[in-house]
Amino acid sequence: MKSARSESMPAEQQPPSESSAIGRHWQTQAPVVPADIKLKREQQELILSWPDGQLSTYTAATLRRNCPCASCRTDRQQQADNPLHILANVPDQEPQMSGAELMGNYAIKIIWSDGHDTGIFDYRYLRTLDAIS
């Protein structure tokens, strides 16, 4: 597992073996893998350069608000179902991105200053976030 603790790192773009189920899925769907990933801790931004030339910048607030982990998704759903629901995972102060780890060649995991590190941001999910933000 590579670490995204440095300012810049190239993303691996090797597909899985053709014999695996994941490899067969890879062949049917175009991979969405950034050409470059930069975690700028001082600015609290994650910047992805995509092969099609698009540059996506995500703030820490945007990523935390859209964390895909199970507990954050559950909290968002409960809030949507009941606007008076008190969110359980709201920190006292705005958490900072303290690091990140590449998860194979499909996602990045953000590590937060408050210890939260279960959100694995699939690159396709990040492209979706980019389109709506």
Protein backbone atom coordinates (compact mmCIF):
# COMPACT_ATOMS: atom_id res chain seq x y z
CA MET A 1 0.00 0.00 0.00
CA LYS A 2 1.43 3.36 -0.99
CA SER A 3 1.16 6.41 1.18
CA ALA A 4 -0.05 9.80 -0.06
CA ARG A 5 1.83 11.69 2.59
CA SER A 6 4.09 13.39 0.03
CA GLU A 7 2.97 16.34 -2.08
CA SER A 8 2.74 14.36 -5.35
CA MET A 9 2.60 10.75 -6.47
CA PRO A 10 1.73 9.06 -9.75
CA ALA A 11 -1.20 6.63 -9.61
CA GLU A 12 -0.63 3.03 -10.69
CA GLN A 13 -2.58 2.14 -13.78
CA GLN A 14 -2.02 -1.62 -14.12
CA PRO A 15 -5.28 -3.60 -14.46
CA PRO A 16 -5.84 -6.78 -12.44
CA SER A 17 -5.18 -10.14 -14.11
CA GLU A 18 -7.69 -11.16 -16.74
CA SER A 19 -8.47 -14.43 -14.92
CA SER A 20 -9.96 -12.72 -11.87
CA ALA A 21 -13.58 -11.56 -11.64
CA ILE A 22 -12.29 -8.06 -10.96
CA GLY A 23 -10.13 -8.30 -14.07
CA ARG A 24 -13.14 -9.25 -16.20
CA HIS A 25 -15.13 -6.34 -14.71
CA TRP A 26 -12.21 -4.01 -15.45
CA GLN A 27 -12.42 -4.95 -19.14
CA THR A 28 -16.12 -4.09 -19.34
CA GLN A 29 -15.83 -0.70 -17.64
CA ALA A 30 -13.36 2.00 -18.55
CA PRO A 31 -11.04 2.55 -15.57
CA VAL A 32 -11.18 5.91 -13.85
CA VAL A 33 -7.69 6.38 -12.46
CA PRO A 34 -6.13 9.79 -11.88
CA ALA A 35 -2.87 10.54 -13.67
CA ASP A 36 -1.59 12.40 -10.60
CA ILE A 37 -2.66 12.83 -6.97
CA LYS A 38 -1.59 15.63 -4.64
CA LEU A 39 -2.57 16.01 -1.01
CA LYS A 40 -1.86 19.58 0.03
CA ARG A 41 -2.12 19.47 3.81
CA GLU A 42 -1.35 23.13 4.33
CA GLN A 43 -4.23 24.18 2.03
CA GLN A 44 -6.35 21.18 3.11
CA GLU A 45 -6.99 20.16 -0.49
CA LEU A 46 -6.86 16.93 -2.46
CA ILE A 47 -6.04 17.58 -6.12
CA LEU A 48 -6.51 14.92 -8.79
CA SER A 49 -5.35 15.27 -12.39
CA TRP A 50 -7.37 13.01 -14.68
CA PRO A 51 -6.15 11.43 -17.94
CA ASP A 52 -8.73 13.48 -19.90
CA GLY A 53 -7.05 16.71 -18.73
CA GLN A 54 -9.59 17.63 -16.06
CA LEU A 55 -8.20 18.91 -12.76
CA SER A 56 -10.34 18.29 -9.66
CA THR A 57 -9.80 20.05 -6.34
CA TYR A 58 -11.61 18.79 -3.24
CA THR A 59 -11.55 20.68 0.04
CA ALA A 60 -11.32 18.86 3.35
CA ALA A 61 -14.84 20.06 4.19
CA THR A 62 -16.27 18.62 0.96
CA LEU A 63 -14.56 15.27 1.47
CA ARG A 64 -15.60 14.96 5.11
CA ARG A 65 -19.17 16.00 4.35
CA ASN A 66 -19.32 13.29 1.65
CA CYS A 67 -17.35 10.58 3.44
CA PRO A 68 -18.44 7.22 1.99
CA CYS A 69 -17.87 5.13 5.15
CA ALA A 70 -20.83 3.24 6.61
CA SER A 71 -21.21 5.36 9.76
CA CYS A 72 -21.12 8.67 7.86
CA ARG A 73 -23.58 7.37 5.22
CA THR A 74 -25.92 6.18 7.99
CA ASP A 75 -25.76 9.58 9.72
CA ARG A 76 -26.53 11.39 6.44
CA GLN A 77 -29.47 9.07 5.74
CA GLN A 78 -30.87 9.52 9.25
CA GLN A 79 -30.51 13.30 8.89
CA ALA A 80 -32.36 13.17 5.55
CA ASP A 81 -35.13 11.03 7.07
CA ASN A 82 -35.42 13.20 10.19
CA PRO A 83 -34.01 16.75 10.03
CA LEU A 84 -34.08 16.88 13.86
CA HIS A 85 -31.77 13.85 14.13
CA ILE A 86 -28.56 14.64 16.02
CA LEU A 87 -25.52 13.51 14.07
CA ALA A 88 -23.23 11.23 16.05
CA ASN A 89 -20.02 11.77 14.08
CA VAL A 90 -19.75 15.56 14.19
CA PRO A 91 -16.40 16.61 15.66
CA ASP A 92 -16.05 19.60 18.00
CA GLN A 93 -13.81 21.38 15.51
CA GLU A 94 -13.27 21.03 11.77
CA PRO A 95 -11.04 17.96 11.24
CA GLN A 96 -7.93 18.31 9.10
CA MET A 97 -6.65 15.90 6.47
CA SER A 98 -3.47 14.57 8.03
CA GLY A 99 -2.62 11.99 5.38
CA ALA A 100 -3.91 9.54 2.81
CA GLU A 101 -3.24 6.05 1.49
CA LEU A 102 -3.78 4.64 -1.97
CA MET A 103 -6.10 1.65 -1.99
CA GLY A 104 -4.88 -0.41 -4.92
CA ASN A 105 -5.54 1.46 -8.14
CA TYR A 106 -9.20 2.23 -7.48
CA ALA A 107 -9.43 4.53 -4.44
CA ILE A 108 -7.79 6.72 -1.83
CA LYS A 109 -8.37 6.59 1.92
CA ILE A 110 -8.23 9.92 3.76
CA ILE A 111 -6.78 9.98 7.27
CA TRP A 112 -8.25 12.72 9.46
CA SER A 113 -6.81 14.55 12.46
CA ASP A 114 -9.64 13.25 14.66
CA GLY A 115 -8.70 9.63 13.94
CA HIS A 116 -11.46 8.97 11.39
CA ASP A 117 -9.96 6.84 8.61
CA THR A 118 -12.63 4.45 7.35
CA GLY A 119 -13.75 6.50 4.34
CA ILE A 120 -12.40 4.96 1.14
CA PHE A 121 -13.02 7.34 -1.76
CA ASP A 122 -13.35 5.37 -4.99
CA TYR A 123 -12.08 7.41 -7.96
CA ARG A 124 -15.45 7.06 -9.73
CA TYR A 125 -17.13 8.48 -6.61
CA LEU A 126 -14.70 11.40 -6.62
CA ARG A 127 -15.52 12.12 -10.29
CA THR A 128 -19.20 12.15 -9.28
CA LEU A 129 -18.48 14.56 -6.43
CA ASP A 130 -16.58 16.78 -8.82
CA ALA A 131 -19.58 16.92 -11.15
CA ILE A 132 -22.01 18.00 -8.41
CA SER A 133 -19.80 20.38 -6.43
